[in-house]
Amino acid sequence: PDLSISVESDAVIGLTSGTNGIKHGIVLIAGTGSIALGLKPNSVPIRVGGWGALFGDIGSGYWIGSEILRIVAGSRDGVNPKTVLDSLLQDHIGKETDLLTWVYQNNEASVTWK
């Protein structure tokens, strides 16, 4: 059979499925990563985000977790105000668990929220 195959980002797939294949509109994905995509008929797509966890994905789950860690670390260092996030995070990981050990327990640069 004569098949056409297209590889697209999750934003294009989300937009296509949300518009019944029309590919006209705006889609916002805020999950592990984040991206927004807008498309009008016969126009160039407008994309915001989708840069990945290292320097983008503002509003994603990974970004929110990283911001919590940054704020808590700053609070413990005295450069940020005290925050309720500190006690909430410590409750989540365990009262006796060291934060640095928990973050880097698998020798990974990323955090796994369990």
PDB file of N, CA and C in Angstrom:
ATOM      1  N   PRO A   1       0.835  -1.200   0.000  1.00  0.00           N
ATOM      2  CA  PRO A   1       0.000   0.000   0.000  1.00  0.00           C
ATOM      3  C   PRO A   1       0.878   1.261   0.000  1.00  0.00           C
ATOM      4  N   ASP A   2       0.339   2.309  -0.557  1.00  0.00           N
ATOM      5  CA  ASP A   2       1.027   3.588  -0.593  1.00  0.00           C
ATOM      6  C   ASP A   2       0.681   4.349   0.686  1.00  0.00           C
ATOM      7  N   LEU A   3       1.656   4.439   1.622  1.00  0.00           N
ATOM      8  CA  LEU A   3       1.420   5.077   2.913  1.00  0.00           C
ATOM      9  C   LEU A   3       2.241   6.341   3.044  1.00  0.00           C
ATOM     10  N   SER A   4       1.687   7.298   3.718  1.00  0.00           N
ATOM     11  CA  SER A   4       2.399   8.518   4.055  1.00  0.00           C
ATOM     12  C   SER A   4       2.621   8.525   5.560  1.00  0.00           C
ATOM     13  N   ILE A   5       3.870   8.681   5.976  1.00  0.00           N
ATOM     14  CA  ILE A   5       4.196   8.676   7.398  1.00  0.00           C
ATOM     15  C   ILE A   5       4.748  10.040   7.765  1.00  0.00           C
ATOM     16  N   SER A   6       4.261  10.567   8.870  1.00  0.00           N
ATOM     17  CA  SER A   6       4.713  11.861   9.360  1.00  0.00           C
ATOM     18  C   SER A   6       5.063  11.732  10.839  1.00  0.00           C
ATOM     19  N   VAL A   7       6.225  12.220  11.214  1.00  0.00           N
ATOM     20  CA  VAL A   7       6.630  12.223  12.616  1.00  0.00           C
ATOM     21  C   VAL A   7       6.455  13.652  13.134  1.00  0.00           C
ATOM     22  N   GLU A   8       5.670  13.790  14.180  1.00  0.00           N
ATOM     23  CA  GLU A   8       5.343  15.117  14.706  1.00  0.00           C
ATOM     24  C   GLU A   8       5.555  15.156  16.215  1.00  0.00           C
ATOM     25  N   SER A   9       5.618  16.362  16.757  1.00  0.00           N
ATOM     26  CA  SER A   9       5.735  16.536  18.205  1.00  0.00           C
ATOM     27  C   SER A   9       4.398  16.252  18.878  1.00  0.00           C
ATOM     28  N   ASP A  10       4.438  16.085  20.206  1.00  0.00           N
ATOM     29  CA  ASP A  10       3.194  15.860  20.932  1.00  0.00           C
ATOM     30  C   ASP A  10       2.270  17.067  20.847  1.00  0.00           C
ATOM     31  N   ALA A  11       2.820  18.263  20.622  1.00  0.00           N
ATOM     32  CA  ALA A  11       1.972  19.446  20.485  1.00  0.00           C
ATOM     33  C   ALA A  11       1.141  19.375  19.204  1.00  0.00           C
ATOM     34  N   VAL A  12       1.749  18.974  18.102  1.00  0.00           N
ATOM     35  CA  VAL A  12       1.015  18.837  16.837  1.00  0.00           C
ATOM     36  C   VAL A  12      -0.032  17.730  16.964  1.00  0.00           C
ATOM     37  N   ILE A  13       0.349  16.635  17.588  1.00  0.00           N
ATOM     38  CA  ILE A  13      -0.593  15.526  17.787  1.00  0.00           C
ATOM     39  C   ILE A  13      -1.764  15.969  18.652  1.00  0.00           C
ATOM     40  N   GLY A  14      -1.470  16.705  19.728  1.00  0.00           N
ATOM     41  CA  GLY A  14      -2.534  17.207  20.602  1.00  0.00           C
ATOM     42  C   GLY A  14      -3.456  18.164  19.886  1.00  0.00           C
ATOM     43  N   LEU A  15      -2.880  19.066  19.097  1.00  0.00           N
ATOM     44  CA  LEU A  15      -3.685  20.018  18.338  1.00  0.00           C
ATOM     45  C   LEU A  15      -4.546  19.310  17.308  1.00  0.00           C
ATOM     46  N   THR A  16      -3.968  18.349  16.618  1.00  0.00           N
ATOM     47  CA  THR A  16      -4.705  17.607  15.595  1.00  0.00           C
ATOM     48  C   THR A  16      -5.851  16.811  16.214  1.00  0.00           C
ATOM     49  N   SER A  17      -5.573  16.127  17.321  1.00  0.00           N
ATOM     50  CA  SER A  17      -6.631  15.315  17.935  1.00  0.00           C
ATOM     51  C   SER A  17      -7.702  16.189  18.572  1.00  0.00           C
ATOM     52  N   GLY A  18      -7.300  17.353  19.102  1.00  0.00           N
ATOM     53  CA  GLY A  18      -8.272  18.241  19.746  1.00  0.00           C
ATOM     54  C   GLY A  18      -9.126  19.022  18.766  1.00  0.00           C
ATOM     55  N   THR A  19      -8.730  19.042  17.504  1.00  0.00           N
ATOM     56  CA  THR A  19      -9.493  19.786  16.491  1.00  0.00           C
ATOM     57  C   THR A  19     -10.041  18.860  15.411  1.00  0.00           C
ATOM     58  N   ASN A  20     -10.099  17.578  15.712  1.00  0.00           N
ATOM     59  CA  ASN A  20     -10.599  16.580  14.763  1.00  0.00           C
ATOM     60  C   ASN A  20      -9.860  16.609  13.431  1.00  0.00           C
ATOM     61  N   GLY A  21      -8.545  16.820  13.504  1.00  0.00           N
ATOM     62  CA  GLY A  21      -7.720  16.762  12.308  1.00  0.00           C
ATOM     63  C   GLY A  21      -7.594  18.053  11.531  1.00  0.00           C
ATOM     64  N   ILE A  22      -8.228  19.110  11.988  1.00  0.00           N
ATOM     65  CA  ILE A  22      -8.200  20.373  11.247  1.00  0.00           C
ATOM     66  C   ILE A  22      -6.843  21.066  11.359  1.00  0.00           C
ATOM     67  N   LYS A  23      -6.138  20.853  12.452  1.00  0.00           N
ATOM     68  CA  LYS A  23      -4.845  21.511  12.725  1.00  0.00           C
ATOM     69  C   LYS A  23      -4.969  23.027  12.656  1.00  0.00           C
ATOM     70  N   HIS A  24      -5.976  23.539  13.316  1.00  0.00           N
ATOM     71  CA  HIS A  24      -6.215  24.977  13.354  1.00  0.00           C
ATOM     72  C   HIS A  24      -6.637  25.303  14.782  1.00  0.00           C
ATOM     73  N   GLY A  25      -5.814  26.104  15.478  1.00  0.00           N
ATOM     74  CA  GLY A  25      -6.160  26.468  16.838  1.00  0.00           C
ATOM     75  C   GLY A  25      -4.914  26.588  17.692  1.00  0.00           C
ATOM     76  N   ILE A  26      -5.111  26.424  18.987  1.00  0.00           N
ATOM     77  CA  ILE A  26      -4.022  26.552  19.954  1.00  0.00           C
ATOM     78  C   ILE A  26      -4.070  25.359  20.896  1.00  0.00           C
ATOM     79  N   VAL A  27      -2.898  24.813  21.205  1.00  0.00           N
ATOM     80  CA  VAL A  27      -2.805  23.745  22.185  1.00  0.00           C
ATOM     81  C   VAL A  27      -1.749  24.143  23.213  1.00  0.00           C
ATOM     82  N   LEU A  28      -2.020  23.836  24.475  1.00  0.00           N
ATOM     83  CA  LEU A  28      -1.080  24.072  25.567  1.00  0.00           C
ATOM     84  C   LEU A  28      -0.898  22.764  26.313  1.00  0.00           C
ATOM     85  N   ILE A  29       0.337  22.321  26.419  1.00  0.00           N
ATOM     86  CA  ILE A  29       0.650  21.098  27.147  1.00  0.00           C
ATOM     87  C   ILE A  29       1.506  21.478  28.342  1.00  0.00           C
ATOM     88  N   ALA A  30       1.052  21.137  29.525  1.00  0.00           N
ATOM     89  CA  ALA A  30       1.813  21.394  30.749  1.00  0.00           C
ATOM     90  C   ALA A  30       1.795  20.116  31.570  1.00  0.00           C
ATOM     91  N   GLY A  31       2.756  19.253  31.317  1.00  0.00           N
ATOM     92  CA  GLY A  31       2.879  17.983  32.025  1.00  0.00           C
ATOM     93  C   GLY A  31       4.304  17.844  32.507  1.00  0.00           C
ATOM     94  N   THR A  32       4.967  16.767  32.117  1.00  0.00           N
ATOM     95  CA  THR A  32       6.379  16.612  32.442  1.00  0.00           C
ATOM     96  C   THR A  32       7.167  17.742  31.813  1.00  0.00           C
ATOM     97  N   GLY A  33       6.814  18.115  30.602  1.00  0.00           N
ATOM     98  CA  GLY A  33       7.386  19.271  29.922  1.00  0.00           C
ATOM     99  C   GLY A  33       6.277  20.273  29.667  1.00  0.00           C
ATOM    100  N   SER A  34       6.584  21.333  28.913  1.00  0.00           N
ATOM    101  CA  SER A  34       5.533  22.293  28.562  1.00  0.00           C
ATOM    102  C   SER A  34       5.814  22.869  27.182  1.00  0.00           C
ATOM    103  N   ILE A  35       4.737  23.109  26.456  1.00  0.00           N
ATOM    104  CA  ILE A  35       4.830  23.715  25.126  1.00  0.00           C
ATOM    105  C   ILE A  35       3.456  24.292  24.772  1.00  0.00           C
ATOM    106  N   ALA A  36       3.476  25.366  24.025  1.00  0.00           N
ATOM    107  CA  ALA A  36       2.253  25.926  23.455  1.00  0.00           C
ATOM    108  C   ALA A  36       2.474  26.021  21.948  1.00  0.00           C
ATOM    109  N   LEU A  37       1.433  25.702  21.188  1.00  0.00           N
ATOM    110  CA  LEU A  37       1.518  25.735  19.731  1.00  0.00           C
ATOM    111  C   LEU A  37       0.237  26.336  19.183  1.00  0.00           C
ATOM    112  N   GLY A  38       0.406  27.303  18.290  1.00  0.00           N
ATOM    113  CA  GLY A  38      -0.732  27.911  17.623  1.00  0.00           C
ATOM    114  C   GLY A  38      -0.578  27.744  16.121  1.00  0.00           C
ATOM    115  N   LEU A  39      -1.677  27.491  15.442  1.00  0.00           N
ATOM    116  CA  LEU A  39      -1.621  27.274  14.002  1.00  0.00           C
ATOM    117  C   LEU A  39      -2.912  27.761  13.360  1.00  0.00           C
ATOM    118  N   LYS A  40      -2.738  28.610  12.330  1.00  0.00           N
ATOM    119  CA  LYS A  40      -3.860  29.027  11.508  1.00  0.00           C
ATOM    120  C   LYS A  40      -3.722  28.326  10.167  1.00  0.00           C
ATOM    121  N   PRO A  41      -4.823  28.166   9.430  1.00  0.00           N
ATOM    122  CA  PRO A  41      -4.725  27.515   8.117  1.00  0.00           C
ATOM    123  C   PRO A  41      -3.701  28.223   7.229  1.00  0.00           C
ATOM    124  N   ASN A  42      -2.885  27.439   6.553  1.00  0.00           N
ATOM    125  CA  ASN A  42      -1.895  27.955   5.600  1.00  0.00           C
ATOM    126  C   ASN A  42      -0.939  28.977   6.219  1.00  0.00           C
ATOM    127  N   SER A  43      -0.570  28.746   7.473  1.00  0.00           N
ATOM    128  CA  SER A  43       0.359  29.671   8.104  1.00  0.00           C
ATOM    129  C   SER A  43       1.478  28.905   8.799  1.00  0.00           C
ATOM    130  N   VAL A  44       2.485  29.640   9.165  1.00  0.00           N
ATOM    131  CA  VAL A  44       3.613  29.055   9.880  1.00  0.00           C
ATOM    132  C   VAL A  44       3.198  28.849  11.344  1.00  0.00           C
ATOM    133  N   PRO A  45       3.479  27.693  11.908  1.00  0.00           N
ATOM    134  CA  PRO A  45       3.129  27.462  13.315  1.00  0.00           C
ATOM    135  C   PRO A  45       3.878  28.430  14.235  1.00  0.00           C
ATOM    136  N   ILE A  46       3.228  28.814  15.316  1.00  0.00           N
ATOM    137  CA  ILE A  46       3.854  29.632  16.349  1.00  0.00           C
ATOM    138  C   ILE A  46       4.016  28.751  17.576  1.00  0.00           C
ATOM    139  N   ARG A  47       5.261  28.562  17.981  1.00  0.00           N
ATOM    140  CA  ARG A  47       5.566  27.684  19.110  1.00  0.00           C
ATOM    141  C   ARG A  47       6.216  28.488  20.225  1.00  0.00           C
ATOM    142  N   VAL A  48       5.816  28.193  21.458  1.00  0.00           N
ATOM    143  CA  VAL A  48       6.446  28.765  22.639  1.00  0.00           C
ATOM    144  C   VAL A  48       6.753  27.614  23.577  1.00  0.00           C
ATOM    145  N   GLY A  49       7.990  27.544  24.047  1.00  0.00           N
ATOM    146  CA  GLY A  49       8.386  26.484  24.975  1.00  0.00           C
ATOM    147  C   GLY A  49       8.796  25.234  24.233  1.00  0.00           C
ATOM    148  N   GLY A  50       8.804  24.133  24.962  1.00  0.00           N
ATOM    149  CA  GLY A  50       9.232  22.871  24.386  1.00  0.00           C
ATOM    150  C   GLY A  50      10.744  22.748  24.296  1.00  0.00           C
ATOM    151  N   TRP A  51      11.442  23.527  25.105  1.00  0.00           N
ATOM    152  CA  TRP A  51      12.904  23.551  25.039  1.00  0.00           C
ATOM    153  C   TRP A  51      13.545  22.458  25.878  1.00  0.00           C
ATOM    154  N   GLY A  52      12.788  21.766  26.685  1.00  0.00           N
ATOM    155  CA  GLY A  52      13.356  20.709  27.523  1.00  0.00           C
ATOM    156  C   GLY A  52      13.705  21.212  28.910  1.00  0.00           C
ATOM    157  N   ALA A  53      13.981  20.275  29.779  1.00  0.00           N
ATOM    158  CA  ALA A  53      14.165  20.576  31.202  1.00  0.00           C
ATOM    159  C   ALA A  53      15.424  21.378  31.511  1.00  0.00           C
ATOM    160  N   LEU A  54      16.429  21.323  30.678  1.00  0.00           N
ATOM    161  CA  LEU A  54      17.681  22.001  31.012  1.00  0.00           C
ATOM    162  C   LEU A  54      17.569  23.521  30.989  1.00  0.00           C
ATOM    163  N   PHE A  55      16.780  24.074  30.072  1.00  0.00           N
ATOM    164  CA  PHE A  55      16.685  25.528  30.047  1.00  0.00           C
ATOM    165  C   PHE A  55      15.318  26.042  29.607  1.00  0.00           C
ATOM    166  N   GLY A  56      14.312  25.253  29.780  1.00  0.00           N
ATOM    167  CA  GLY A  56      12.977  25.694  29.375  1.00  0.00           C
ATOM    168  C   GLY A  56      11.904  24.951  30.137  1.00  0.00           C
ATOM    169  N   ASP A  57      10.805  24.727  29.475  1.00  0.00           N
ATOM    170  CA  ASP A  57       9.662  24.015  30.028  1.00  0.00           C
ATOM    171  C   ASP A  57       9.057  24.705  31.245  1.00  0.00           C
ATOM    172  N   ILE A  58       9.049  26.040  31.230  1.00  0.00           N
ATOM    173  CA  ILE A  58       8.454  26.791  32.336  1.00  0.00           C
ATOM    174  C   ILE A  58       6.993  26.384  32.485  1.00  0.00           C
ATOM    175  N   GLY A  59       6.592  26.071  33.701  1.00  0.00           N
ATOM    176  CA  GLY A  59       5.230  25.646  33.996  1.00  0.00           C
ATOM    177  C   GLY A  59       5.034  24.147  33.975  1.00  0.00           C
ATOM    178  N   SER A  60       6.071  23.397  33.581  1.00  0.00           N
ATOM    179  CA  SER A  60       5.957  21.940  33.551  1.00  0.00           C
ATOM    180  C   SER A  60       6.111  21.357  34.953  1.00  0.00           C
ATOM    181  N   GLY A  61       5.791  20.097  35.093  1.00  0.00           N
ATOM    182  CA  GLY A  61       5.975  19.419  36.368  1.00  0.00           C
ATOM    183  C   GLY A  61       7.427  19.422  36.809  1.00  0.00           C
ATOM    184  N   TYR A  62       8.337  19.192  35.868  1.00  0.00           N
ATOM    185  CA  TYR A  62       9.762  19.195  36.200  1.00  0.00           C
ATOM    186  C   TYR A  62      10.190  20.579  36.675  1.00  0.00           C
ATOM    187  N   TRP A  63       9.754  21.612  35.985  1.00  0.00           N
ATOM    188  CA  TRP A  63      10.108  22.981  36.346  1.00  0.00           C
ATOM    189  C   TRP A  63       9.566  23.337  37.735  1.00  0.00           C
ATOM    190  N   ILE A  64       8.322  22.966  38.008  1.00  0.00           N
ATOM    191  CA  ILE A  64       7.731  23.255  39.320  1.00  0.00           C
ATOM    192  C   ILE A  64       8.539  22.567  40.420  1.00  0.00           C
ATOM    193  N   GLY A  65       8.893  21.296  40.217  1.00  0.00           N
ATOM    194  CA  GLY A  65       9.703  20.587  41.206  1.00  0.00           C
ATOM    195  C   GLY A  65      11.058  21.220  41.399  1.00  0.00           C
ATOM    196  N   SER A  66      11.695  21.628  40.311  1.00  0.00           N
ATOM    197  CA  SER A  66      13.006  22.280  40.395  1.00  0.00           C
ATOM    198  C   SER A  66      12.916  23.611  41.123  1.00  0.00           C
ATOM    199  N   GLU A  67      11.855  24.365  40.861  1.00  0.00           N
ATOM    200  CA  GLU A  67      11.663  25.645  41.544  1.00  0.00           C
ATOM    201  C   GLU A  67      11.454  25.446  43.040  1.00  0.00           C
ATOM    202  N   ILE A  68      10.699  24.419  43.416  1.00  0.00           N
ATOM    203  CA  ILE A  68      10.508  24.123  44.844  1.00  0.00           C
ATOM    204  C   ILE A  68      11.857  23.845  45.490  1.00  0.00           C
ATOM    205  N   LEU A  69      12.673  23.011  44.858  1.00  0.00           N
ATOM    206  CA  LEU A  69      13.991  22.702  45.409  1.00  0.00           C
ATOM    207  C   LEU A  69      14.859  23.951  45.498  1.00  0.00           C
ATOM    208  N   ARG A  70      14.827  24.795  44.482  1.00  0.00           N
ATOM    209  CA  ARG A  70      15.619  26.026  44.479  1.00  0.00           C
ATOM    210  C   ARG A  70      15.181  26.966  45.597  1.00  0.00           C
ATOM    211  N   ILE A  71      13.879  27.119  45.778  1.00  0.00           N
ATOM    212  CA  ILE A  71      13.345  28.000  46.820  1.00  0.00           C
ATOM    213  C   ILE A  71      13.688  27.469  48.205  1.00  0.00           C
ATOM    214  N   VAL A  72      13.519  26.168  48.410  1.00  0.00           N
ATOM    215  CA  VAL A  72      13.829  25.563  49.714  1.00  0.00           C
ATOM    216  C   VAL A  72      15.324  25.677  50.019  1.00  0.00           C
ATOM    217  N   ALA A  73      16.167  25.395  49.029  1.00  0.00           N
ATOM    218  CA  ALA A  73      17.612  25.511  49.246  1.00  0.00           C
ATOM    219  C   ALA A  73      17.984  26.946  49.602  1.00  0.00           C
ATOM    220  N   GLY A  74      17.407  27.905  48.897  1.00  0.00           N
ATOM    221  CA  GLY A  74      17.673  29.304  49.198  1.00  0.00           C
ATOM    222  C   GLY A  74      17.193  29.705  50.574  1.00  0.00           C
ATOM    223  N   SER A  75      16.073  29.163  50.991  1.00  0.00           N
ATOM    224  CA  SER A  75      15.556  29.427  52.328  1.00  0.00           C
ATOM    225  C   SER A  75      16.497  28.863  53.391  1.00  0.00           C
ATOM    226  N   ARG A  76      16.960  27.651  53.176  1.00  0.00           N
ATOM    227  CA  ARG A  76      17.893  27.037  54.131  1.00  0.00           C
ATOM    228  C   ARG A  76      19.224  27.779  54.168  1.00  0.00           C
ATOM    229  N   ASP A  77      19.623  28.361  53.044  1.00  0.00           N
ATOM    230  CA  ASP A  77      20.870  29.140  52.991  1.00  0.00           C
ATOM    231  C   ASP A  77      20.700  30.554  53.534  1.00  0.00           C
ATOM    232  N   GLY A  78      19.458  30.981  53.735  1.00  0.00           N
ATOM    233  CA  GLY A  78      19.199  32.322  54.243  1.00  0.00           C
ATOM    234  C   GLY A  78      19.126  33.401  53.177  1.00  0.00           C
ATOM    235  N   VAL A  79      19.127  33.023  51.904  1.00  0.00           N
ATOM    236  CA  VAL A  79      19.026  34.024  50.837  1.00  0.00           C
ATOM    237  C   VAL A  79      17.594  34.202  50.342  1.00  0.00           C
ATOM    238  N   ASN A  80      16.724  33.285  50.682  1.00  0.00           N
ATOM    239  CA  ASN A  80      15.290  33.398  50.417  1.00  0.00           C
ATOM    240  C   ASN A  80      14.570  33.443  51.756  1.00  0.00           C
ATOM    241  N   PRO A  81      13.380  34.042  51.786  1.00  0.00           N
ATOM    242  CA  PRO A  81      12.608  34.034  53.034  1.00  0.00           C
ATOM    243  C   PRO A  81      12.233  32.601  53.445  1.00  0.00           C
ATOM    244  N   LYS A  82      11.929  32.417  54.704  1.00  0.00           N
ATOM    245  CA  LYS A  82      11.420  31.131  55.177  1.00  0.00           C
ATOM    246  C   LYS A  82      10.163  30.801  54.401  1.00  0.00           C
ATOM    247  N   THR A  83       9.943  29.503  54.155  1.00  0.00           N
ATOM    248  CA  THR A  83       8.796  29.091  53.349  1.00  0.00           C
ATOM    249  C   THR A  83       8.192  27.804  53.892  1.00  0.00           C
ATOM    250  N   VAL A  84       6.880  27.712  53.792  1.00  0.00           N
ATOM    251  CA  VAL A  84       6.181  26.496  54.190  1.00  0.00           C
ATOM    252  C   VAL A  84       6.569  25.321  53.296  1.00  0.00           C
ATOM    253  N   LEU A  85       7.086  25.622  52.091  1.00  0.00           N
ATOM    254  CA  LEU A  85       7.512  24.558  51.179  1.00  0.00           C
ATOM    255  C   LEU A  85       8.594  23.683  51.814  1.00  0.00           C
ATOM    256  N   ASP A  86       9.413  24.279  52.672  1.00  0.00           N
ATOM    257  CA  ASP A  86      10.487  23.526  53.317  1.00  0.00           C
ATOM    258  C   ASP A  86       9.918  22.377  54.147  1.00  0.00           C
ATOM    259  N   SER A  87       8.982  22.679  55.024  1.00  0.00           N
ATOM    260  CA  SER A  87       8.419  21.616  55.872  1.00  0.00           C
ATOM    261  C   SER A  87       7.573  20.636  55.057  1.00  0.00           C
ATOM    262  N   LEU A  88       6.859  21.129  54.047  1.00  0.00           N
ATOM    263  CA  LEU A  88       6.064  20.232  53.199  1.00  0.00           C
ATOM    264  C   LEU A  88       6.965  19.257  52.437  1.00  0.00           C
ATOM    265  N   LEU A  89       8.071  19.769  51.919  1.00  0.00           N
ATOM    266  CA  LEU A  89       9.014  18.913  51.195  1.00  0.00           C
ATOM    267  C   LEU A  89       9.649  17.904  52.144  1.00  0.00           C
ATOM    268  N   GLN A  90      10.067  18.367  53.319  1.00  0.00           N
ATOM    269  CA  GLN A  90      10.706  17.458  54.271  1.00  0.00           C
ATOM    270  C   GLN A  90       9.725  16.372  54.724  1.00  0.00           C
ATOM    271  N   ASP A  91       8.468  16.737  54.930  1.00  0.00           N
ATOM    272  CA  ASP A  91       7.441  15.734  55.265  1.00  0.00           C
ATOM    273  C   ASP A  91       7.307  14.714  54.148  1.00  0.00           C
ATOM    274  N   HIS A  92       7.374  15.179  52.912  1.00  0.00           N
ATOM    275  CA  HIS A  92       7.215  14.297  51.756  1.00  0.00           C
ATOM    276  C   HIS A  92       8.368  13.296  51.645  1.00  0.00           C
ATOM    277  N   ILE A  93       9.584  13.764  51.856  1.00  0.00           N
ATOM    278  CA  ILE A  93      10.740  12.868  51.684  1.00  0.00           C
ATOM    279  C   ILE A  93      11.088  12.097  52.948  1.00  0.00           C
ATOM    280  N   GLY A  94      10.529  12.516  54.082  1.00  0.00           N
ATOM    281  CA  GLY A  94      10.810  11.853  55.360  1.00  0.00           C
ATOM    282  C   GLY A  94      11.604  12.768  56.267  1.00  0.00           C
ATOM    283  N   LYS A  95      11.178  12.858  57.513  1.00  0.00           N
ATOM    284  CA  LYS A  95      11.786  13.790  58.468  1.00  0.00           C
ATOM    285  C   LYS A  95      13.287  13.580  58.619  1.00  0.00           C
ATOM    286  N   GLU A  96      13.746  12.338  58.541  1.00  0.00           N
ATOM    287  CA  GLU A  96      15.158  12.028  58.775  1.00  0.00           C
ATOM    288  C   GLU A  96      15.986  11.996  57.477  1.00  0.00           C
ATOM    289  N   THR A  97      15.353  12.246  56.339  1.00  0.00           N
ATOM    290  CA  THR A  97      16.048  12.146  55.056  1.00  0.00           C
ATOM    291  C   THR A  97      16.745  13.461  54.727  1.00  0.00           C
ATOM    292  N   ASP A  98      18.017  13.380  54.395  1.00  0.00           N
ATOM    293  CA  ASP A  98      18.775  14.554  53.968  1.00  0.00           C
ATOM    294  C   ASP A  98      18.339  14.945  52.557  1.00  0.00           C
ATOM    295  N   LEU A  99      18.061  16.231  52.346  1.00  0.00           N
ATOM    296  CA  LEU A  99      17.559  16.703  51.061  1.00  0.00           C
ATOM    297  C   LEU A  99      18.535  16.420  49.920  1.00  0.00           C
ATOM    298  N   LEU A 100      19.805  16.717  50.099  1.00  0.00           N
ATOM    299  CA  LEU A 100      20.787  16.457  49.040  1.00  0.00           C
ATOM    300  C   LEU A 100      20.865  14.978  48.689  1.00  0.00           C
ATOM    301  N   THR A 101      20.842  14.138  49.712  1.00  0.00           N
ATOM    302  CA  THR A 101      20.879  12.692  49.467  1.00  0.00           C
ATOM    303  C   THR A 101      19.658  12.269  48.670  1.00  0.00           C
ATOM    304  N   TRP A 102      18.505  12.784  49.037  1.00  0.00           N
ATOM    305  CA  TRP A 102      17.272  12.421  48.340  1.00  0.00           C
ATOM    306  C   TRP A 102      17.309  12.861  46.883  1.00  0.00           C
ATOM    307  N   VAL A 103      17.779  14.089  46.624  1.00  0.00           N
ATOM    308  CA  VAL A 103      17.811  14.614  45.254  1.00  0.00           C
ATOM    309  C   VAL A 103      18.764  13.813  44.380  1.00  0.00           C
ATOM    310  N   TYR A 104      19.936  13.487  44.934  1.00  0.00           N
ATOM    311  CA  TYR A 104      20.976  12.844  44.128  1.00  0.00           C
ATOM    312  C   TYR A 104      21.151  11.363  44.443  1.00  0.00           C
ATOM    313  N   GLN A 105      20.149  10.742  45.031  1.00  0.00           N
ATOM    314  CA  GLN A 105      20.277   9.361  45.500  1.00  0.00           C
ATOM    315  C   GLN A 105      20.637   8.365  44.406  1.00  0.00           C
ATOM    316  N   ASN A 106      20.281   8.646  43.178  1.00  0.00           N
ATOM    317  CA  ASN A 106      20.592   7.724  42.077  1.00  0.00           C
ATOM    318  C   ASN A 106      21.718   8.251  41.197  1.00  0.00           C
ATOM    319  N   ASN A 107      22.472   9.218  41.712  1.00  0.00           N
ATOM    320  CA  ASN A 107      23.546   9.854  40.946  1.00  0.00           C
ATOM    321  C   ASN A 107      23.056  10.404  39.622  1.00  0.00           C
ATOM    322  N   GLU A 108      21.830  10.944  39.622  1.00  0.00           N
ATOM    323  CA  GLU A 108      21.240  11.533  38.426  1.00  0.00           C
ATOM    324  C   GLU A 108      21.115  13.029  38.624  1.00  0.00           C
ATOM    325  N   ALA A 109      21.139  13.761  37.554  1.00  0.00           N
ATOM    326  CA  ALA A 109      20.985  15.207  37.631  1.00  0.00           C
ATOM    327  C   ALA A 109      19.507  15.598  37.667  1.00  0.00           C
ATOM    328  N   SER A 110      18.620  14.630  37.517  1.00  0.00           N
ATOM    329  CA  SER A 110      17.199  14.941  37.523  1.00  0.00           C
ATOM    330  C   SER A 110      16.551  14.379  38.790  1.00  0.00           C
ATOM    331  N   VAL A 111      15.399  14.904  39.083  1.00  0.00           N
ATOM    332  CA  VAL A 111      14.649  14.503  40.265  1.00  0.00           C
ATOM    333  C   VAL A 111      13.496  13.613  39.855  1.00  0.00           C
ATOM    334  N   THR A 112      13.305  12.533  40.556  1.00  0.00           N
ATOM    335  CA  THR A 112      12.155  11.669  40.332  1.00  0.00           C
ATOM    336  C   THR A 112      11.186  11.857  41.488  1.00  0.00           C
ATOM    337  N   TRP A 113      10.014  12.347  41.176  1.00  0.00           N
ATOM    338  CA  TRP A 113       8.996  12.539  42.216  1.00  0.00           C
ATOM    339  C   TRP A 113       8.215  11.253  42.376  1.00  0.00           C
ATOM    340  N   LYS A 114       8.370  10.628  43.510  1.00  0.00           N
ATOM    341  CA  LYS A 114       7.706   9.339  43.749  1.00  0.00           C
ATOM    342  C   LYS A 114       6.455   9.511  44.564  1.00  0.00           C
TER     343      LYS A 114
END
